[in-house]
Amino acid sequence: MNLTSLLSKATQPNCQAVEGIWQNIRWRPDAATGEVLNLGVRVKLANGQSVVRLIESFDRVKCLYDASVASDAQFLVRVVGDALAEGFEIPATGVFLSEEKYASGTDVCTVVDDLFVRTVPLARPRADAERVVSGLRTEPTDAIRNIVFDELRRISGLRAESIIRGGNQFEVREPGKTHYLDIPLQSNRALGTIVSARFAKKKDAELRLLRADNDLQIARRVYQGDRMLMYVVRHDSGAAAAERFDELLDDFSWKFNKVGVEMKSYSDPLLVAEDVVADMLVA
């Protein structure tokens, strides 16, 4: 059961800055041994909504135990996922939540994805494991942005704060409601977004690029700025498997250019800040 299917059963969260608490969803398959496995992640937002992501591949469970335990895990994921998405308590014996920890980020989907990748190693199917061994590791957009923002403040001082946006990043006001777009860089010259393409799976990088382009295209309709910019941080070119990502970025760059979005890619996030200064701060 993936994140999207769980979100469809609850209120779809806005892609804006969020904060709340997070917990691992844990299972003790054998009370006698006491071994505990992380099956997923739950983030509970300030409004009480729970967003859940649980494992989809059970290859590693089967490898550690046997087919019957993997089948039990698959059944539990389905039952527990449905319960948490609807706001109910966990109905299964042996499944419990870890201690509460604080979580925050630019949008709930990114927060959940990041926590899931870092704390649920059982979720990674064998193909993904091979990609990690080859040097392709996930580095979420929030982490990349923090590096860029810190470098931007270092080289531009207080001027950087004039374009770096916090929680409510870009507002589109309509009668009775305000919508928020994930566009963290804004000036009277341009709108810019920063996206990580450092994911173990190519399709995850593709999804982030599409989301970023969608927000820029919506902003274009209500903003009269000169430029739309997308700064993408890719894998280091030294990794052989990164070539597939480079091909993806080349393709997206061509497509984005056709619709008026300038896409620039970097292997070092520190270099992004220099271009942001030239594109958005230099008069």
Foldseek 3Di string as FASTA:
>chain_A
DAQVVLCVLAPNDAQFKWKFKKWFKWFDLDVVVRDIAGFWMWGQTPVRAIGIGGADDLVLVCVVPHDVRSVVSVVQCVQQSVQVSVPHDRPDPRIDIDDIDMWIDGGPVLRRVVCGLVRHVSRDDPVLVVLVVLPQADDFQRNLVVLLLVLLCVVPPPLSVVFADPGQQDWDDDVPDIHGAQFGGDAQAETEDEGECRHSDNVVSVVRLVSNLVSQVVVVVVHDHNAAEYEYAAADPVRPVSVVVVVVVVVVCVVSVVVGYHYDYHPDSSVVSVVCCVRHPDD
